[in-house]
Amino acid sequence: MDTPTTDAAGSPAGYLDGGSSEPLHPAARETFLAALDVGYADPLRLHSPARRSRLLWENARAVTAECLGVRENEVSFTSSGTDAVHRGLLGLARGRERTSRRLLHTAVEHSAVFSAARWWQEHAGGSADVLPVDRHGRVEPGTVAAALREPAGVLAVQLANPEVGTVQPLGDLVAVADGTPLFVDACAAAGRVPLPDGWAAAALSAHRWGGPAGIGVLLVRKGARWRAPFPTDDRVDPRVVGFENVPAALAAAASLQARVAEREGLNRRHAGFADRLCSALATVPDVEVHGHPTERLPHLVSFSCLYVDGEALVTELDRRGLAVASGSACTASALEPSHVLVAMGALTHGNARVTFGRETTAADVAALCRHVPEVVAELRARTG
């Protein structure tokens, strides 16, 4: 049988857009519901309910730190992954502005990094330069070394690209950075690949690993020169603002812990699914699969089809019960040509991004392998 079905837990069958947001992990749901009844009080107060909330909050930090291999005091919870990107990157830039007000980032970063770079130029009087990438979306160490002949305050390089899955050579980049602090956007990779060493600040997003939406994680390495880029308040953590969302933080930590425990098996299964899809795509003329062939996230396949409209491709697959993404991963609703594919010099027509999740079944993949060639052929026939 190759028709997607709904699983016993009610998760949507044929949902292949976990790169945008994963369905809530059962561990997150159970923890969140339990925490709603006990984690409501203000962690800054002195009474018993408040002390209980503070204990739960600290437990969420401890679990998250253990999963990521960092110190507890390096973990902060933010309102989103985007918020974590902005605070992490701009905080490092502020901390180093006496050394250099120049910000470097790759051409394939998430739009949150581009937005932060524009803010740095328009509102903080800094400068920003973009590093080119190769045809796989990787930035070469030699490119970074050449760019750093002129001092920079911070270098932003994602751990893995959310559109094509390419994993960056962070170890090699740290070696040539010559002390320039590294900001790492790990939102697409957290829970799927280990967080490497060498960063000064990093950002993660819980809904990418099956946690609740509206919770990000900001990591600031002990000893990093980081200064708050925006106004602060008197809450528990000086790196973020706003009332602590204890239930959501606990759910994010629980789902990350569960995902890390499942990671090896899921990665194996997803890599098999990806191989199966790529074999099916190889039978379709004028289709280009994107990203590095080996240094990549195991659950993501991005491809483009010549003579096919990306919106039509997504719509026709959706009619067949298969939910995939198209266009830029950070402006998917606009269906604009992906800045990532443009930077790679890749084919942008008829782009689709497939991301497998923990609920993805062999039936989902079989249906995808059957329907993609059919849909591409039908769309090309319509346009002649």
Protein backbone atom coordinates (compact mmCIF):
# COMPACT_ATOMS: atom_id res chain seq x y z
CA MET A 1 0.00 0.00 0.00
CA ASP A 2 1.49 3.37 -0.97
CA THR A 3 -1.24 5.77 0.09
CA PRO A 4 -0.44 7.92 3.16
CA THR A 5 -2.51 7.18 6.24
CA THR A 6 -3.08 8.87 9.58
CA ASP A 7 -1.28 7.15 12.45
CA ALA A 8 -2.89 6.04 15.71
CA ALA A 9 -1.83 9.23 17.48
CA GLY A 10 -3.66 11.35 14.92
CA SER A 11 -0.53 12.79 13.33
CA PRO A 12 -1.14 13.97 9.76
CA ALA A 13 -0.10 11.34 7.25
CA GLY A 14 1.90 12.59 4.31
CA TYR A 15 3.27 15.54 6.29
CA LEU A 16 6.75 16.00 4.86
CA ASP A 17 7.54 19.54 6.00
CA GLY A 18 9.11 18.92 9.39
CA GLY A 19 11.88 21.31 8.36
CA SER A 20 9.35 24.10 8.87
CA SER A 21 7.82 22.66 12.02
CA GLU A 22 7.57 19.19 13.52
CA PRO A 23 4.35 17.84 15.04
CA LEU A 24 4.47 18.04 18.83
CA HIS A 25 6.47 15.15 20.27
CA PRO A 26 4.48 12.98 22.73
CA ALA A 27 7.08 13.76 25.40
CA ALA A 28 6.52 17.48 24.87
CA ARG A 29 2.74 17.16 25.03
CA GLU A 30 2.78 15.12 28.24
CA THR A 31 5.27 17.42 29.95
CA PHE A 32 3.53 20.61 28.84
CA LEU A 33 0.11 19.52 30.09
CA ALA A 34 1.52 18.44 33.44
CA ALA A 35 3.49 21.68 33.84
CA LEU A 36 0.46 23.87 33.18
CA ASP A 37 -0.88 22.95 36.62
CA VAL A 38 2.33 23.57 38.55
CA GLY A 39 4.47 26.00 36.57
CA TYR A 40 2.25 29.09 36.51
CA ALA A 41 3.78 31.14 39.34
CA ASP A 42 6.38 33.89 38.99
CA PRO A 43 9.81 32.26 39.48
CA LEU A 44 11.12 35.48 41.07
CA ARG A 45 8.77 35.40 44.07
CA LEU A 46 9.54 33.80 47.41
CA HIS A 47 6.42 31.73 48.11
CA SER A 48 6.14 27.98 47.56
CA PRO A 49 4.41 28.04 44.13
CA ALA A 50 7.08 30.46 42.90
CA ARG A 51 9.90 28.30 44.21
CA ARG A 52 8.33 25.34 42.42
CA SER A 53 8.22 27.29 39.15
CA ARG A 54 11.85 28.31 39.57
CA LEU A 55 12.84 24.70 40.20
CA LEU A 56 11.02 23.58 37.05
CA TRP A 57 12.64 26.38 35.05
CA GLU A 58 16.10 25.40 36.24
CA ASN A 59 15.33 21.77 35.47
CA ALA A 60 14.48 22.72 31.89
CA ARG A 61 17.84 24.50 31.60
CA ALA A 62 19.70 21.53 33.10
CA VAL A 63 18.12 19.00 30.75
CA THR A 64 18.72 21.22 27.72
CA ALA A 65 22.35 21.77 28.73
CA GLU A 66 22.92 18.04 29.16
CA CYS A 67 21.44 17.27 25.74
CA LEU A 68 23.64 19.87 24.07
CA GLY A 69 26.82 19.26 26.06
CA VAL A 70 27.00 22.79 27.48
CA ARG A 71 26.91 24.42 30.92
CA GLU A 72 23.55 25.22 32.50
CA ASN A 73 24.45 28.90 32.84
CA GLU A 74 25.07 29.05 29.08
CA VAL A 75 21.41 28.22 28.32
CA SER A 76 18.68 30.85 27.96
CA PHE A 77 15.13 30.39 26.70
CA THR A 78 13.80 32.98 24.24
CA SER A 79 10.47 33.63 22.56
CA SER A 80 11.55 31.97 19.28
CA GLY A 81 14.50 30.77 17.26
CA THR A 82 14.48 34.08 15.39
CA ASP A 83 14.73 35.96 18.68
CA ALA A 84 17.64 33.75 19.69
CA VAL A 85 19.38 34.47 16.37
CA HIS A 86 18.95 38.21 16.73
CA ARG A 87 20.08 38.35 20.36
CA GLY A 88 22.94 35.92 19.89
CA LEU A 89 24.42 37.47 16.77
CA LEU A 90 23.88 41.13 17.67
CA GLY A 91 25.00 40.54 21.26
CA LEU A 92 28.36 39.26 20.02
CA ALA A 93 28.60 42.19 17.60
CA ARG A 94 27.93 44.64 20.46
CA GLY A 95 30.44 42.91 22.67
CA ARG A 96 33.16 43.26 20.07
CA GLU A 97 32.36 46.70 18.66
CA ARG A 98 35.50 48.27 20.14
CA THR A 99 37.56 45.75 18.15
CA SER A 100 35.55 45.90 14.93
CA ARG A 101 32.01 46.86 13.94
CA ARG A 102 32.16 44.60 10.90
CA LEU A 103 29.83 41.57 10.74
CA LEU A 104 30.46 38.63 8.40
CA HIS A 105 27.89 36.01 7.39
CA THR A 106 27.47 33.47 4.60
CA ALA A 107 25.20 33.94 1.61
CA VAL A 108 23.00 31.01 2.63
CA GLU A 109 22.05 32.05 6.17
CA HIS A 110 18.44 32.15 7.34
CA SER A 111 16.59 35.42 6.74
CA ALA A 112 16.87 36.16 10.48
CA VAL A 113 20.62 36.63 10.06
CA PHE A 114 20.15 38.90 7.03
CA SER A 115 17.62 40.95 9.02
CA ALA A 116 20.00 41.24 11.97
CA ALA A 117 22.81 42.34 9.63
CA ARG A 118 20.59 45.05 8.13
CA TRP A 119 19.61 46.23 11.62
CA TRP A 120 23.29 46.35 12.59
CA GLN A 121 24.01 48.60 9.62
CA GLU A 122 20.93 50.82 9.82
CA HIS A 123 20.58 51.24 13.58
CA ALA A 124 24.00 50.52 15.09
CA GLY A 125 26.25 52.08 12.46
CA GLY A 126 28.07 48.82 11.72
CA SER A 127 28.89 47.12 8.46
CA ALA A 128 28.12 43.66 7.09
CA ASP A 129 29.76 41.56 4.39
CA VAL A 130 28.45 38.39 2.75
CA LEU A 131 30.64 35.33 2.16
CA PRO A 132 30.04 33.34 -1.06
CA VAL A 133 29.49 29.58 -1.01
CA ASP A 134 30.27 26.73 -3.39
CA ARG A 135 27.77 24.82 -5.51
CA HIS A 136 26.86 22.64 -2.52
CA GLY A 137 26.17 25.64 -0.28
CA ARG A 138 29.37 25.33 1.77
CA VAL A 139 31.66 28.21 2.64
CA GLU A 140 35.31 27.35 2.10
CA PRO A 141 37.84 27.96 4.90
CA GLY A 142 40.00 29.86 2.41
CA THR A 143 37.10 32.22 1.74
CA VAL A 144 36.76 32.95 5.45
CA ALA A 145 40.51 33.40 5.90
CA ALA A 146 40.64 35.88 3.02
CA ALA A 147 37.66 37.85 4.37
CA LEU A 148 39.25 38.06 7.82
CA ARG A 149 42.34 39.83 6.52
CA GLU A 150 40.23 42.81 7.47
CA PRO A 151 39.23 42.41 11.14
CA ALA A 152 35.63 41.49 11.93
CA GLY A 153 33.68 41.59 15.16
CA VAL A 154 31.70 38.41 14.57
CA LEU A 155 31.35 35.63 12.00
CA ALA A 156 27.93 34.00 11.48
CA VAL A 157 27.83 30.52 9.95
CA GLN A 158 24.88 28.14 10.24
CA LEU A 159 25.46 24.57 11.38
CA ALA A 160 23.27 23.16 8.60
CA ASN A 161 21.20 24.78 5.90
CA PRO A 162 17.42 24.38 6.34
CA GLU A 163 16.73 24.44 2.60
CA VAL A 164 19.29 22.05 1.12
CA GLY A 165 20.59 20.24 4.22
CA THR A 166 24.29 21.00 3.73
CA VAL A 167 26.33 20.86 6.94
CA GLN A 168 29.04 23.51 7.19
CA PRO A 169 32.67 22.61 8.07
CA LEU A 170 32.60 24.53 11.34
CA GLY A 171 35.72 22.91 12.76
CA ASP A 172 37.78 24.05 9.78
CA LEU A 173 36.23 27.51 9.91
CA VAL A 174 37.04 27.96 13.59
CA ALA A 175 40.65 27.03 12.82
CA VAL A 176 40.99 29.91 10.33
CA ALA A 177 38.83 32.42 12.22
CA ASP A 178 41.87 33.63 14.17
CA GLY A 179 39.92 34.43 17.33
CA THR A 180 36.92 36.04 15.66
CA PRO A 181 33.88 34.83 17.64
CA LEU A 182 31.57 32.47 15.80
CA PHE A 183 27.79 32.71 15.91
CA VAL A 184 26.06 29.47 14.88
CA ASP A 185 22.44 29.18 13.80
CA ALA A 186 21.71 25.56 14.76
CA CYS A 187 17.93 25.76 14.40
CA ALA A 188 17.74 23.32 11.48
CA ALA A 189 20.20 20.82 12.96
CA ALA A 190 19.54 20.70 16.71
CA GLY A 191 18.42 17.26 17.82
CA ARG A 192 19.56 15.75 14.53
CA VAL A 193 23.35 16.24 14.66
CA PRO A 194 25.52 17.03 17.70
CA LEU A 195 26.42 20.64 18.38
CA PRO A 196 30.15 21.04 17.60
CA ASP A 197 32.64 23.07 19.62
CA GLY A 198 34.13 26.42 18.75
CA TRP A 199 31.10 28.72 18.88
CA ALA A 200 30.72 31.82 21.04
CA ALA A 201 26.92 31.93 20.73
CA ALA A 202 24.32 29.70 19.11
CA ALA A 203 20.58 29.69 18.45
CA LEU A 204 18.07 26.82 18.41
CA SER A 205 14.32 26.53 17.87
CA ALA A 206 12.17 24.00 19.75
CA HIS A 207 9.45 23.50 17.14
CA ARG A 208 12.09 22.10 14.76
CA TRP A 209 12.64 19.04 17.02
CA GLY A 210 9.04 18.47 18.12
CA GLY A 211 8.88 21.00 20.93
CA PRO A 212 6.25 23.73 21.22
CA ALA A 213 6.33 26.77 18.99
CA GLY A 214 7.29 30.04 20.63
CA ILE A 215 10.36 28.70 22.43
CA GLY A 216 13.91 29.28 21.25
CA VAL A 217 17.22 28.55 22.93
CA LEU A 218 20.09 31.02 23.09
CA LEU A 219 23.49 29.64 24.03
CA VAL A 220 26.21 32.08 25.08
CA ARG A 221 29.55 30.49 25.86
CA LYS A 222 31.05 31.34 29.23
CA GLY A 223 33.68 34.01 28.71
CA ALA A 224 32.25 35.23 25.40
CA ARG A 225 32.16 39.00 24.98
CA TRP A 226 28.42 39.37 24.65
CA ARG A 227 26.37 42.51 25.43
CA ALA A 228 22.59 42.80 25.33
CA PRO A 229 21.74 44.44 21.99
CA PHE A 230 18.20 45.45 23.03
CA PRO A 231 16.60 46.85 26.20
CA THR A 232 16.43 44.39 29.10
CA ASP A 233 14.23 44.01 32.21
CA ASP A 234 14.54 42.61 35.73
CA ARG A 235 13.68 38.98 35.03
CA VAL A 236 15.75 35.91 35.92
CA ASP A 237 17.97 35.78 32.85
CA PRO A 238 19.74 39.00 31.77
CA ARG A 239 20.14 37.69 28.22
CA VAL A 240 16.40 37.65 27.48
CA VAL A 241 13.27 39.61 28.44
CA GLY A 242 9.73 38.77 29.41
CA PHE A 243 7.93 36.45 31.81
CA GLU A 244 9.30 32.90 31.87
CA ASN A 245 7.13 30.38 30.00
CA VAL A 246 7.87 27.50 32.33
CA PRO A 247 5.55 24.86 30.78
CA ALA A 248 6.84 25.53 27.26
CA ALA A 249 10.49 25.49 28.34
CA LEU A 250 9.98 22.16 30.12
CA ALA A 251 8.22 20.73 27.06
CA ALA A 252 11.03 21.93 24.82
CA ALA A 253 13.62 20.27 27.07
CA ALA A 254 11.63 17.02 27.29
CA SER A 255 11.22 16.77 23.52
CA LEU A 256 14.90 17.57 22.92
CA GLN A 257 15.88 14.84 25.37
CA ALA A 258 13.58 12.37 23.60
CA ARG A 259 14.84 13.41 20.17
CA VAL A 260 18.49 12.98 21.16
CA ALA A 261 17.68 9.50 22.50
CA GLU A 262 15.96 8.61 19.20
CA ARG A 263 18.48 10.38 16.98
CA GLU A 264 20.62 7.47 15.81
CA GLY A 265 17.67 5.31 14.78
CA LEU A 266 15.76 8.18 13.19
CA ASN A 267 18.78 9.34 11.23
CA ARG A 268 19.30 5.83 9.85
CA ARG A 269 15.65 5.51 8.85
CA HIS A 270 15.51 8.99 7.31
CA ALA A 271 18.72 8.44 5.34
CA GLY A 272 17.10 5.34 3.84
CA PHE A 273 14.01 7.35 2.94
CA ALA A 274 16.21 10.01 1.32
CA ASP A 275 18.06 7.42 -0.75
CA ARG A 276 14.75 6.00 -1.92
CA LEU A 277 13.44 9.43 -2.95
CA CYS A 278 16.68 10.36 -4.74
CA SER A 279 16.49 7.10 -6.71
CA ALA A 280 12.97 8.02 -7.82
CA LEU A 281 14.06 11.55 -8.75
CA ALA A 282 16.90 10.14 -10.87
CA THR A 283 14.28 8.71 -13.23
CA VAL A 284 12.80 12.15 -13.95
CA PRO A 285 14.49 14.23 -16.69
CA ASP A 286 15.83 17.70 -15.88
CA VAL A 287 15.67 17.39 -12.09
CA GLU A 288 18.48 18.69 -9.90
CA VAL A 289 18.99 17.50 -6.31
CA HIS A 290 20.62 20.14 -4.12
CA GLY A 291 23.08 20.12 -1.26
CA HIS A 292 26.27 18.31 -0.37
CA PRO A 293 26.14 14.61 -1.28
CA THR A 294 27.54 13.37 2.06
CA GLU A 295 27.91 16.26 4.53
CA ARG A 296 24.20 16.86 4.97
CA LEU A 297 21.23 16.44 7.26
CA PRO A 298 19.85 12.91 6.84
CA HIS A 299 16.17 13.85 6.82
CA LEU A 300 16.11 16.52 4.10
CA VAL A 301 15.95 16.31 0.30
CA SER A 302 15.74 19.45 -1.82
CA PHE A 303 15.26 19.29 -5.58
CA SER A 304 14.26 21.49 -8.49
CA CYS A 305 12.45 20.57 -11.71
CA LEU A 306 13.05 22.49 -14.91
CA TYR A 307 9.90 23.71 -16.74
CA VAL A 308 7.79 23.33 -13.56
CA ASP A 309 6.26 26.01 -11.33
CA GLY A 310 7.06 25.46 -7.66
CA GLU A 311 3.65 26.60 -6.46
CA ALA A 312 1.91 24.22 -8.84
CA LEU A 313 4.17 21.36 -7.73
CA VAL A 314 3.33 21.92 -4.07
CA THR A 315 -0.38 22.30 -4.81
CA GLU A 316 -0.62 19.12 -6.87
CA LEU A 317 1.27 17.08 -4.29
CA ASP A 318 -0.98 18.51 -1.58
CA ARG A 319 -4.05 17.35 -3.55
CA ARG A 320 -2.55 13.88 -3.35
CA GLY A 321 -2.13 14.11 0.42
CA LEU A 322 1.56 15.02 0.48
CA ALA A 323 2.66 18.20 2.25
CA VAL A 324 6.04 19.54 1.10
CA ALA A 325 7.61 23.02 1.01
CA SER A 326 8.68 25.19 -1.90
CA GLY A 327 10.59 28.39 -2.36
CA SER A 328 12.79 29.83 0.34
CA ALA A 329 12.47 28.02 3.67
CA CYS A 330 12.17 31.36 5.46
CA THR A 331 9.71 32.98 2.98
CA ALA A 332 7.84 29.87 1.88
CA SER A 333 4.46 31.58 1.68
CA ALA A 334 5.85 34.10 -0.80
CA LEU A 335 7.19 31.34 -3.07
CA GLU A 336 10.04 33.60 -4.14
CA PRO A 337 13.20 32.17 -5.67
CA SER A 338 15.35 30.89 -2.85
CA HIS A 339 18.31 33.12 -2.00
CA VAL A 340 20.10 29.92 -0.97
CA LEU A 341 19.71 28.30 -4.39
CA VAL A 342 20.65 31.56 -6.10
CA ALA A 343 23.83 31.79 -4.00
CA MET A 344 24.70 28.19 -4.94
CA GLY A 345 24.09 28.84 -8.63
CA ALA A 346 21.48 26.08 -8.56
CA LEU A 347 18.27 25.60 -10.49
CA THR A 348 15.46 27.52 -8.77
CA HIS A 349 12.50 26.52 -10.99
CA GLY A 350 10.04 24.04 -9.54
CA ASN A 351 11.79 23.73 -6.20
CA ALA A 352 10.52 21.38 -3.49
CA ARG A 353 11.93 20.57 -0.08
CA VAL A 354 11.02 17.28 1.58
CA THR A 355 11.80 16.79 5.27
CA PHE A 356 11.06 13.52 7.03
CA GLY A 357 9.84 13.44 10.64
CA ARG A 358 9.51 10.85 13.36
CA GLU A 359 5.97 10.02 12.13
CA THR A 360 6.98 9.61 8.47
CA THR A 361 6.22 6.10 7.26
CA ALA A 362 7.45 3.94 4.42
CA ALA A 363 3.96 4.37 2.90
CA ASP A 364 4.42 8.14 2.85
CA VAL A 365 7.74 7.80 1.06
CA ALA A 366 6.36 5.25 -1.40
CA ALA A 367 3.50 7.60 -2.26
CA LEU A 368 5.93 10.48 -2.71
CA CYS A 369 8.17 8.42 -5.01
CA ARG A 370 5.15 7.47 -7.08
CA HIS A 371 3.45 10.84 -7.29
CA VAL A 372 6.41 13.20 -7.87
CA PRO A 373 7.27 11.79 -11.33
CA GLU A 374 3.55 11.77 -12.23
CA VAL A 375 3.01 15.36 -11.11
CA VAL A 376 6.12 16.67 -12.84
CA ALA A 377 5.10 14.97 -16.10
CA GLU A 378 1.55 16.34 -15.85
CA LEU A 379 2.71 19.91 -15.15
CA ARG A 380 5.17 19.85 -18.01
CA ALA A 381 2.49 18.51 -20.34
CA ARG A 382 0.16 21.37 -19.41
CA THR A 383 2.75 23.99 -20.32
CA GLY A 384 3.96 22.20 -23.43
